[in-house]
Amino acid sequence: MAEFEGPQRAPEQAAHGSPERLRVAVGCGVGATIETYDFIGFGTAAALYFGDVFFPDSDPLSATLLSFATLGIGFAARPLGGVIAGHLGDRVGRKPVLVGSLLVMGIATVLIGCLPTYQMVGVWAPVLLVAVRVLQGLAFGAEWGGAILMTFEHAPWRRRGLYTGITQAGFPVGLLLANLAFLFSRHTLDDTWAWRVPFLLSAVLIAVGIFIRLKIDESPQFEALKESGEVVKNPLLAVIREDWRNVLRAFCLRITETAGYAVSVTFVLSYLGDDDAPDVSSTTSLIALVTAAALGVAATTLWGRLSDRIGRRPVYLLGCAVSVVWGIPLFLLVNTEAAVLVLIAFVISYAVCQNSLAGVQGAWFCELFATKTRTAGTSLAYQLSAVVSGFTPMIATALYSATGWTGPAVLFSAYGLLGFVATLVTRETWGADERREADRAVTASAEPALPAVH
């Protein structure tokens, strides 16, 4: 079970969290919004533009594969970012990691908007694209663990699912803003600027995010850990040696959510733009995704809140079960070419399949690891899964070329099945016993202090 930050402060923390709890949750959510805007924006651009801009000498299918391979490289870099951030977060503190990751992401994203195209510099264009994508991956890999842990460790016990859900909701907000930016630029700018402007606009968001995060207080649990002298010298080695099973479980749990998104959103966007696929305009696809993302802002938080009431595992089992059966219906709906059914497909894929898992992960993953190795453990599991997820659109594209849409559909369901099995073998960290213990601590915080005996 998740730890309190000290025996004297346990009842107060259990009942109310820190005084900064809401500001931290919102501040971390704003940062997550910005980082997602930058990172996911790349996925949208890869599906819609980068094949023509950076790989024009390839046939359309090869260009798409190369574009998604570049997308995957950023995901492959995320574990290294997670390892670095995990070490620093458990050794130096959560706050420096938050500020640093956001700054690196901002620089990399603005650079993407400034890159020369293949027509300008030839092969150097994709090389430069890969280089800045690696920087994005390192920054995004460092982001999640720091943001979620800060929120979790400031939050009251009974509402940790809700508060981490607020931070996790920053991701659909970022998805929403990124696709609104591309929807706007696609219809107001020529092809030269349509993909550049969304990346350049992130400079404004980065400045706002840095300002907010500099005002956030350090985690009270990490401060208590430093005061007690229990900071681990090498948290990464410690968590691998002592808690590798939880790292593996969280890794599998995470794949269902993020790799499922890679099939149901990133690949489907590209699939609907293929000449041999259903005739669905990019505008219809983006509007459907924007709607799903808007609903996902509330859905992520509500799924997290539900996990506070009934436990982490039941909610996760539900999301995985829906994912298992959703693969075939997802493609059947988008294949109809009917705008309303395409919209329904995106909403269920995102607000139900993805958000039900994302809304629980923040609290559940943190509760699986001890405070002294929490950043290292959660970041390692979370970001290792990104390697699989990052190359999933490329795998789905290859399956599509060989089997048609049934290949990606089965792949999506297979990811759901992996998560379902992983959920069954992962311990419940917020069951009835844990909730009763939290209630006792809350009751203790409300009891008047006994008068001193002289």
Protein backbone atom coordinates (compact mmCIF):
# COMPACT_ATOMS: atom_id res chain seq x y z
CA MET A 1 0.00 0.00 0.00
CA ALA A 2 1.08 3.57 -0.58
CA GLU A 3 3.10 5.09 2.21
CA PHE A 4 2.45 8.11 4.39
CA GLU A 5 5.29 10.55 4.75
CA GLY A 6 5.72 10.16 8.48
CA PRO A 7 3.84 8.78 11.49
CA GLN A 8 3.08 12.22 12.93
CA ARG A 9 1.75 13.59 9.65
CA ALA A 10 -0.08 10.47 8.44
CA PRO A 11 -3.64 11.32 9.60
CA GLU A 12 -3.49 14.86 8.28
CA GLN A 13 -2.04 13.79 4.93
CA ALA A 14 -4.59 10.97 4.63
CA ALA A 15 -7.50 13.32 5.22
CA HIS A 16 -6.47 16.45 3.34
CA GLY A 17 -3.24 15.95 1.44
CA SER A 18 -0.84 18.86 1.29
CA PRO A 19 -2.10 22.46 1.08
CA GLU A 20 -0.70 22.55 -2.46
CA ARG A 21 -2.58 19.46 -3.65
CA LEU A 22 -4.91 21.08 -6.20
CA ARG A 23 -2.36 23.54 -7.54
CA VAL A 24 0.13 20.69 -8.00
CA ALA A 25 -2.44 18.50 -9.79
CA VAL A 26 -3.45 21.31 -12.14
CA GLY A 27 0.13 22.48 -12.65
CA CYS A 28 1.30 18.98 -13.49
CA GLY A 29 -1.72 18.55 -15.73
CA VAL A 30 -0.86 21.75 -17.60
CA GLY A 31 2.66 20.45 -18.15
CA ALA A 32 1.29 17.11 -19.32
CA THR A 33 -0.97 19.00 -21.72
CA ILE A 34 1.97 20.82 -23.26
CA GLU A 35 4.16 17.74 -23.53
CA THR A 36 1.33 15.74 -25.09
CA TYR A 37 0.56 18.56 -27.51
CA ASP A 38 4.16 18.39 -28.66
CA PHE A 39 4.60 14.62 -28.69
CA ILE A 40 1.20 13.60 -30.07
CA GLY A 41 1.28 16.43 -32.58
CA PHE A 42 4.20 14.62 -34.13
CA GLY A 43 2.02 11.51 -34.55
CA THR A 44 -0.70 13.49 -36.30
CA ALA A 45 1.86 15.17 -38.55
CA ALA A 46 3.45 11.79 -39.29
CA ALA A 47 0.09 10.38 -40.37
CA LEU A 48 -0.90 13.38 -42.49
CA TYR A 49 2.25 15.13 -43.76
CA PHE A 50 5.67 13.69 -43.04
CA GLY A 51 5.57 10.94 -45.67
CA ASP A 52 5.42 13.55 -48.44
CA VAL A 53 7.60 16.18 -46.74
CA PHE A 54 10.54 14.06 -45.58
CA PHE A 55 10.33 10.84 -47.67
CA PRO A 56 9.01 11.97 -51.09
CA ASP A 57 11.07 9.50 -53.16
CA SER A 58 9.31 6.52 -51.59
CA ASP A 59 6.07 4.95 -52.75
CA PRO A 60 3.07 5.94 -50.56
CA LEU A 61 3.15 2.79 -48.40
CA SER A 62 6.91 2.97 -47.85
CA ALA A 63 6.67 6.68 -47.05
CA THR A 64 4.02 5.94 -44.42
CA LEU A 65 6.15 3.16 -42.93
CA LEU A 66 9.21 5.43 -42.78
CA SER A 67 7.15 8.23 -41.26
CA PHE A 68 5.83 5.91 -38.55
CA ALA A 69 9.33 4.51 -38.00
CA THR A 70 10.45 8.05 -37.18
CA LEU A 71 7.48 8.32 -34.84
CA GLY A 72 8.59 5.07 -33.19
CA ILE A 73 12.14 6.33 -32.63
CA GLY A 74 10.79 8.93 -30.24
CA PHE A 75 9.03 6.21 -28.28
CA ALA A 76 12.21 4.13 -28.27
CA ALA A 77 14.06 7.05 -26.65
CA ARG A 78 11.48 7.35 -23.88
CA PRO A 79 12.86 4.56 -21.66
CA LEU A 80 16.21 6.34 -21.49
CA GLY A 81 14.44 9.54 -20.52
CA GLY A 82 12.47 7.59 -17.94
CA VAL A 83 15.62 6.01 -16.51
CA ILE A 84 17.38 9.38 -16.23
CA ALA A 85 14.32 11.02 -14.70
CA GLY A 86 13.71 8.09 -12.38
CA HIS A 87 17.23 8.29 -11.01
CA LEU A 88 17.15 12.07 -10.60
CA GLY A 89 13.59 12.09 -9.24
CA ASP A 90 14.47 9.67 -6.45
CA ARG A 91 17.89 11.22 -5.79
CA VAL A 92 17.47 14.97 -6.34
CA GLY A 93 13.71 15.56 -6.27
CA ARG A 94 10.56 15.46 -8.38
CA LYS A 95 10.36 19.18 -9.18
CA PRO A 96 13.69 19.63 -11.07
CA VAL A 97 12.73 16.75 -13.35
CA LEU A 98 9.38 18.38 -14.14
CA VAL A 99 10.94 21.69 -15.16
CA GLY A 100 13.81 20.14 -17.12
CA SER A 101 11.65 17.75 -19.13
CA LEU A 102 9.31 20.53 -20.18
CA LEU A 103 12.17 22.78 -21.28
CA VAL A 104 13.81 20.08 -23.42
CA MET A 105 10.48 19.15 -25.00
CA GLY A 106 9.80 22.77 -25.89
CA ILE A 107 13.14 23.27 -27.59
CA ALA A 108 12.82 20.05 -29.59
CA THR A 109 9.27 20.80 -30.72
CA VAL A 110 10.02 24.33 -31.92
CA LEU A 111 12.99 22.91 -33.84
CA ILE A 112 10.65 20.51 -35.68
CA GLY A 113 8.68 23.49 -36.94
CA CYS A 114 11.92 24.98 -38.28
CA LEU A 115 13.27 21.88 -40.06
CA PRO A 116 14.14 21.99 -43.76
CA THR A 117 12.27 19.59 -46.03
CA TYR A 118 13.67 16.86 -48.25
CA GLN A 119 13.37 19.19 -51.25
CA MET A 120 15.60 21.71 -49.47
CA VAL A 121 18.46 19.59 -48.11
CA GLY A 122 17.84 16.06 -49.34
CA VAL A 123 18.62 13.17 -46.99
CA TRP A 124 19.62 15.53 -44.19
CA ALA A 125 15.94 16.39 -43.68
CA PRO A 126 14.90 12.97 -42.29
CA VAL A 127 18.18 12.76 -40.36
CA LEU A 128 17.44 16.05 -38.59
CA LEU A 129 13.84 14.92 -38.01
CA VAL A 130 15.08 11.77 -36.28
CA ALA A 131 17.50 13.79 -34.12
CA VAL A 132 14.88 16.15 -32.74
CA ARG A 133 12.44 13.26 -32.36
CA VAL A 134 14.96 11.57 -30.06
CA LEU A 135 15.09 14.75 -27.94
CA GLN A 136 11.28 14.71 -27.75
CA GLY A 137 11.35 11.09 -26.64
CA LEU A 138 13.87 11.76 -23.88
CA ALA A 139 11.79 14.68 -22.58
CA PHE A 140 8.49 12.85 -22.70
CA GLY A 141 10.06 9.84 -21.03
CA ALA A 142 11.09 12.08 -18.15
CA GLU A 143 7.72 13.79 -17.88
CA TRP A 144 5.19 11.21 -16.74
CA GLY A 145 6.87 9.85 -13.64
CA GLY A 146 7.64 13.27 -12.21
CA ALA A 147 4.21 14.75 -12.90
CA ILE A 148 2.21 11.81 -11.60
CA LEU A 149 4.34 11.31 -8.50
CA MET A 150 4.16 14.97 -7.52
CA THR A 151 0.38 14.84 -7.77
CA PHE A 152 0.09 11.48 -6.00
CA GLU A 153 2.32 12.47 -3.10
CA HIS A 154 0.49 15.77 -2.52
CA ALA A 155 -3.00 14.22 -2.70
CA PRO A 156 -5.24 12.94 0.15
CA TRP A 157 -5.41 9.17 0.36
CA ARG A 158 -9.08 8.76 -0.45
CA ARG A 159 -8.82 10.87 -3.61
CA ARG A 160 -5.53 9.88 -5.15
CA GLY A 161 -7.28 8.35 -8.15
CA LEU A 162 -9.14 11.62 -8.72
CA TYR A 163 -6.10 13.86 -8.34
CA THR A 164 -3.81 11.75 -10.52
CA GLY A 165 -6.73 11.56 -12.95
CA ILE A 166 -6.66 15.36 -13.15
CA THR A 167 -3.00 15.23 -14.14
CA GLN A 168 -3.65 12.37 -16.57
CA ALA A 169 -6.45 14.47 -18.10
CA GLY A 170 -3.71 16.80 -19.30
CA PHE A 171 -2.93 14.22 -21.95
CA PRO A 172 -6.35 14.34 -23.70
CA VAL A 173 -6.25 18.14 -23.41
CA GLY A 174 -2.91 18.07 -25.22
CA LEU A 175 -4.36 15.69 -27.81
CA LEU A 176 -7.33 18.02 -28.24
CA LEU A 177 -5.18 21.13 -28.70
CA ALA A 178 -2.77 19.41 -31.08
CA ASN A 179 -5.52 18.19 -33.37
CA LEU A 180 -7.37 21.51 -33.21
CA ALA A 181 -4.15 23.17 -34.30
CA PHE A 182 -3.76 20.76 -37.21
CA LEU A 183 -7.43 21.05 -38.12
CA PHE A 184 -7.07 24.84 -38.20
CA SER A 185 -3.79 24.88 -40.12
CA ARG A 186 -4.99 22.29 -42.65
CA HIS A 187 -7.82 24.58 -43.76
CA THR A 188 -6.21 28.01 -43.41
CA LEU A 189 -2.58 27.54 -44.46
CA ASP A 190 -0.83 26.13 -47.51
CA ASP A 191 1.08 22.86 -47.33
CA THR A 192 4.35 24.67 -46.62
CA TRP A 193 3.10 25.99 -43.27
CA ALA A 194 0.22 23.67 -42.37
CA TRP A 195 2.49 21.23 -40.52
CA ARG A 196 4.97 23.82 -39.19
CA VAL A 197 2.67 26.25 -37.37
CA PRO A 198 1.31 23.78 -34.77
CA PHE A 199 4.89 23.01 -33.68
CA LEU A 200 5.95 26.66 -33.60
CA LEU A 201 2.91 27.60 -31.52
CA SER A 202 4.11 25.33 -28.72
CA ALA A 203 6.69 27.98 -27.78
CA VAL A 204 3.90 29.99 -26.14
CA LEU A 205 2.61 26.96 -24.24
CA ILE A 206 6.10 26.07 -23.02
CA ALA A 207 6.63 29.52 -21.52
CA VAL A 208 3.34 29.25 -19.62
CA GLY A 209 4.14 25.74 -18.42
CA ILE A 210 7.60 26.62 -17.13
CA PHE A 211 6.18 29.57 -15.21
CA ILE A 212 3.55 27.37 -13.52
CA ARG A 213 5.92 24.55 -12.64
CA LEU A 214 8.52 26.82 -11.07
CA LYS A 215 5.86 27.79 -8.50
CA ILE A 216 5.03 24.20 -7.48
CA ASP A 217 6.38 22.94 -4.15
CA GLU A 218 8.49 19.79 -3.92
CA SER A 219 6.76 16.54 -2.95
CA PRO A 220 6.21 16.29 0.85
CA GLN A 221 7.02 12.58 0.77
CA PHE A 222 10.35 13.19 -0.95
CA GLU A 223 11.17 15.95 1.55
CA ALA A 224 10.40 13.54 4.39
CA LEU A 225 12.54 10.90 2.71
CA LYS A 226 15.49 13.30 2.61
CA GLU A 227 14.98 14.30 6.23
CA SER A 228 15.04 10.66 7.29
CA GLY A 229 18.23 9.99 5.34
CA GLU A 230 16.61 7.14 3.41
CA VAL A 231 17.30 8.40 -0.12
CA VAL A 232 18.55 5.44 -2.17
CA LYS A 233 21.98 5.85 -3.78
CA ASN A 234 20.99 4.00 -6.97
CA PRO A 235 17.18 3.79 -7.17
CA LEU A 236 17.17 2.15 -10.62
CA LEU A 237 19.28 -0.81 -9.53
CA ALA A 238 17.32 -1.04 -6.29
CA VAL A 239 13.94 -1.27 -8.00
CA ILE A 240 15.21 -3.81 -10.56
CA ARG A 241 16.73 -5.95 -7.81
CA GLU A 242 13.91 -5.72 -5.30
CA ASP A 243 10.76 -5.02 -7.31
CA TRP A 244 11.26 -6.26 -10.89
CA ARG A 245 7.99 -8.19 -10.83
CA ASN A 246 5.98 -5.00 -10.36
CA VAL A 247 7.99 -3.34 -13.12
CA LEU A 248 7.04 -6.20 -15.45
CA ARG A 249 3.38 -6.12 -14.41
CA ALA A 250 3.08 -2.36 -14.88
CA PHE A 251 4.86 -2.70 -18.24
CA CYS A 252 2.21 -5.12 -19.49
CA LEU A 253 -0.65 -3.07 -18.03
CA ARG A 254 0.63 0.02 -19.78
CA ILE A 255 0.98 -1.63 -23.22
CA THR A 256 -2.77 -2.18 -23.51
CA GLU A 257 -3.45 1.52 -23.10
CA THR A 258 -0.70 3.13 -25.13
CA ALA A 259 -0.29 0.51 -27.88
CA GLY A 260 -4.07 0.32 -28.15
CA TYR A 261 -4.09 4.08 -28.76
CA ALA A 262 -1.41 3.63 -31.43
CA VAL A 263 -3.69 1.26 -33.34
CA SER A 264 -7.10 2.82 -32.74
CA VAL A 265 -6.07 6.45 -33.26
CA THR A 266 -2.63 6.90 -34.85
CA PHE A 267 -2.93 4.02 -37.33
CA VAL A 268 -6.63 4.56 -38.00
CA LEU A 269 -5.95 8.18 -38.97
CA SER A 270 -3.46 6.96 -41.55
CA TYR A 271 -5.73 4.08 -42.63
CA LEU A 272 -8.60 6.43 -43.38
CA GLY A 273 -6.28 8.52 -45.53
CA ASP A 274 -5.18 5.55 -47.65
CA ASP A 275 -6.36 5.40 -51.27
CA ASP A 276 -7.57 1.80 -50.89
CA ALA A 277 -9.30 2.43 -47.54
CA PRO A 278 -12.78 3.85 -46.81
CA ASP A 279 -13.42 7.30 -48.26
CA VAL A 280 -13.37 9.36 -45.06
CA SER A 281 -11.97 12.88 -45.29
CA SER A 282 -9.16 14.00 -43.02
CA THR A 283 -11.48 16.72 -41.73
CA THR A 284 -14.03 14.13 -40.60
CA SER A 285 -11.30 12.06 -38.94
CA LEU A 286 -9.82 15.04 -37.11
CA ILE A 287 -13.23 16.29 -35.96
CA ALA A 288 -14.00 12.80 -34.61
CA LEU A 289 -10.66 12.71 -32.78
CA VAL A 290 -11.10 16.22 -31.40
CA THR A 291 -14.54 15.25 -30.06
CA ALA A 292 -13.17 12.10 -28.47
CA ALA A 293 -10.32 14.05 -26.88
CA ALA A 294 -12.74 16.65 -25.48
CA LEU A 295 -14.80 13.90 -23.87
CA GLY A 296 -11.61 12.24 -22.70
CA VAL A 297 -10.72 15.20 -20.48
CA ALA A 298 -13.70 14.46 -18.24
CA ALA A 299 -13.59 10.69 -18.79
CA THR A 300 -10.00 10.31 -17.56
CA THR A 301 -10.74 12.13 -14.32
CA LEU A 302 -14.00 10.25 -13.75
CA TRP A 303 -12.38 6.84 -14.32
CA GLY A 304 -9.75 7.80 -11.74
CA ARG A 305 -12.45 8.87 -9.30
CA LEU A 306 -14.30 5.58 -9.84
CA SER A 307 -11.13 3.69 -8.90
CA ASP A 308 -11.13 5.57 -5.58
CA ARG A 309 -14.57 4.13 -4.86
CA ILE A 310 -14.30 0.52 -6.05
CA GLY A 311 -10.58 -0.14 -6.40
CA ARG A 312 -8.00 0.06 -9.18
CA ARG A 313 -8.29 -3.46 -10.55
CA PRO A 314 -12.05 -3.58 -11.33
CA VAL A 315 -11.84 -0.44 -13.46
CA TYR A 316 -8.77 -1.71 -15.28
CA LEU A 317 -10.38 -5.10 -15.94
CA LEU A 318 -13.36 -3.35 -17.50
CA GLY A 319 -11.19 -1.25 -19.82
CA CYS A 320 -9.15 -4.26 -20.91
CA ALA A 321 -12.25 -6.41 -21.46
CA VAL A 322 -13.79 -3.77 -23.72
CA SER A 323 -10.50 -3.55 -25.63
CA VAL A 324 -10.47 -7.31 -26.23
CA VAL A 325 -13.86 -7.25 -27.98
CA TRP A 326 -13.52 -3.85 -29.66
CA GLY A 327 -10.92 -4.54 -32.38
CA ILE A 328 -13.26 -5.87 -35.10
CA PRO A 329 -16.20 -3.52 -34.37
CA LEU A 330 -13.83 -0.53 -34.49
CA PHE A 331 -12.91 -1.19 -38.11
CA LEU A 332 -16.41 -2.24 -39.10
CA LEU A 333 -17.65 1.16 -37.95
CA VAL A 334 -15.01 3.26 -39.73
CA ASN A 335 -15.40 1.13 -42.88
CA THR A 336 -19.01 2.32 -43.21
CA GLU A 337 -17.67 5.80 -44.14
CA ALA A 338 -20.56 7.32 -42.15
CA ALA A 339 -19.33 10.35 -40.22
CA VAL A 340 -21.43 9.64 -37.13
CA LEU A 341 -20.18 6.04 -36.92
CA VAL A 342 -16.57 7.17 -37.39
CA LEU A 343 -17.19 9.57 -34.50
CA ILE A 344 -18.57 6.76 -32.31
CA ALA A 345 -15.57 4.60 -33.17
CA PHE A 346 -13.10 7.24 -32.01
CA VAL A 347 -15.09 8.06 -28.86
CA ILE A 348 -15.26 4.43 -27.66
CA SER A 349 -11.62 3.80 -28.59
CA TYR A 350 -10.43 6.82 -26.68
CA ALA A 351 -12.88 7.79 -23.92
CA VAL A 352 -13.58 4.18 -22.91
CA CYS A 353 -10.73 1.88 -23.94
CA GLN A 354 -7.85 4.30 -23.45
CA ASN A 355 -9.09 6.70 -20.78
CA SER A 356 -10.38 3.98 -18.43
CA LEU A 357 -6.83 2.66 -18.22
CA ALA A 358 -5.01 5.98 -18.18
CA GLY A 359 -7.27 7.31 -15.43
CA VAL A 360 -6.27 4.45 -13.10
CA GLN A 361 -2.56 4.15 -13.92
CA GLY A 362 -1.43 7.22 -12.02
CA ALA A 363 -2.62 6.00 -8.63
CA TRP A 364 -2.19 2.26 -9.20
CA PHE A 365 1.38 2.39 -10.50
CA CYS A 366 2.48 4.72 -7.68
CA GLU A 367 0.93 2.45 -5.07
CA LEU A 368 2.83 -0.55 -6.39
CA PHE A 369 6.23 0.97 -5.48
CA ALA A 370 7.82 2.29 -2.28
CA THR A 371 8.54 6.03 -2.00
CA LYS A 372 12.31 5.62 -2.18
CA THR A 373 12.17 3.92 -5.61
CA ARG A 374 8.79 5.13 -6.82
CA THR A 375 10.00 7.43 -9.60
CA ALA A 376 12.44 4.84 -10.93
CA GLY A 377 9.91 2.00 -10.83
CA THR A 378 6.96 3.79 -12.38
CA SER A 379 9.04 5.59 -15.02
CA LEU A 380 10.88 2.44 -16.07
CA ALA A 381 7.70 0.39 -16.50
CA TYR A 382 5.78 3.21 -18.11
CA GLN A 383 8.44 4.15 -20.63
CA LEU A 384 9.67 0.66 -21.55
CA SER A 385 6.17 -0.03 -22.82
CA ALA A 386 6.54 3.01 -25.07
CA VAL A 387 9.03 1.08 -27.22
CA VAL A 388 6.30 -1.40 -28.15
CA SER A 389 3.74 1.36 -28.56
CA GLY A 390 5.96 3.59 -30.66
CA PHE A 391 6.48 0.99 -33.35
CA THR A 392 2.90 -0.29 -33.23
CA PRO A 393 1.63 2.03 -36.04
CA MET A 394 4.41 0.68 -38.27
CA ILE A 395 3.53 -2.91 -37.29
CA ALA A 396 -0.16 -2.21 -37.90
CA THR A 397 0.65 -0.72 -41.32
CA ALA A 398 2.68 -3.81 -42.26
CA LEU A 399 -0.16 -6.07 -41.09
CA TYR A 400 -2.63 -4.03 -43.10
CA SER A 401 -0.57 -4.41 -46.26
CA ALA A 402 -0.48 -8.19 -45.76
CA THR A 403 -3.96 -8.99 -44.39
CA GLY A 404 -6.12 -5.92 -44.81
CA TRP A 405 -7.84 -4.25 -41.85
CA THR A 406 -8.32 -7.52 -39.93
CA GLY A 407 -4.62 -7.63 -39.00
CA PRO A 408 -4.63 -4.31 -37.09
CA ALA A 409 -8.03 -5.20 -35.57
CA VAL A 410 -6.68 -8.46 -34.13
CA LEU A 411 -3.54 -6.67 -32.95
CA PHE A 412 -5.68 -4.20 -30.98
CA SER A 413 -7.61 -7.03 -29.33
CA ALA A 414 -4.39 -8.89 -28.54
CA TYR A 415 -3.08 -5.86 -26.65
CA GLY A 416 -6.34 -5.82 -24.69
CA LEU A 417 -5.93 -9.48 -23.79
CA LEU A 418 -2.38 -8.88 -22.56
CA GLY A 419 -3.62 -6.14 -20.25
CA PHE A 420 -6.49 -8.30 -19.00
CA VAL A 421 -4.12 -11.10 -17.98
CA ALA A 422 -1.67 -8.62 -16.42
CA THR A 423 -4.50 -7.09 -14.38
CA LEU A 424 -5.45 -10.47 -12.97
CA VAL A 425 -1.90 -11.12 -11.71
CA THR A 426 -1.31 -7.61 -10.29
CA ARG A 427 -2.27 -7.01 -6.68
CA GLU A 428 -5.06 -4.64 -5.76
CA THR A 429 -3.52 -1.68 -3.93
CA TRP A 430 -6.78 0.06 -3.06
CA GLY A 431 -9.12 -2.68 -1.94
CA ALA A 432 -11.59 -2.71 0.93
CA ASP A 433 -8.87 -3.14 3.58
CA GLU A 434 -6.84 -0.19 2.29
CA ARG A 435 -9.92 2.01 2.09
CA ARG A 436 -10.84 1.15 5.69
CA GLU A 437 -7.31 1.98 6.85
CA ALA A 438 -7.55 5.33 5.10
CA ASP A 439 -10.92 5.97 6.77
CA ARG A 440 -9.37 5.29 10.18
CA ALA A 441 -6.58 7.74 9.45
CA VAL A 442 -9.09 10.37 8.32
CA THR A 443 -11.10 9.82 11.52
CA ALA A 444 -7.93 10.17 13.59
CA SER A 445 -7.16 13.51 11.91
CA ALA A 446 -10.56 14.83 13.00
CA GLU A 447 -10.19 13.80 16.66
CA PRO A 448 -9.21 16.58 19.06
CA ALA A 449 -5.74 16.34 20.48
CA LEU A 450 -5.46 15.15 24.08
CA PRO A 451 -4.44 17.86 26.57
CA ALA A 452 -0.84 17.73 27.65
CA VAL A 453 -0.17 16.16 31.06
CA HIS A 454 2.10 18.23 33.33
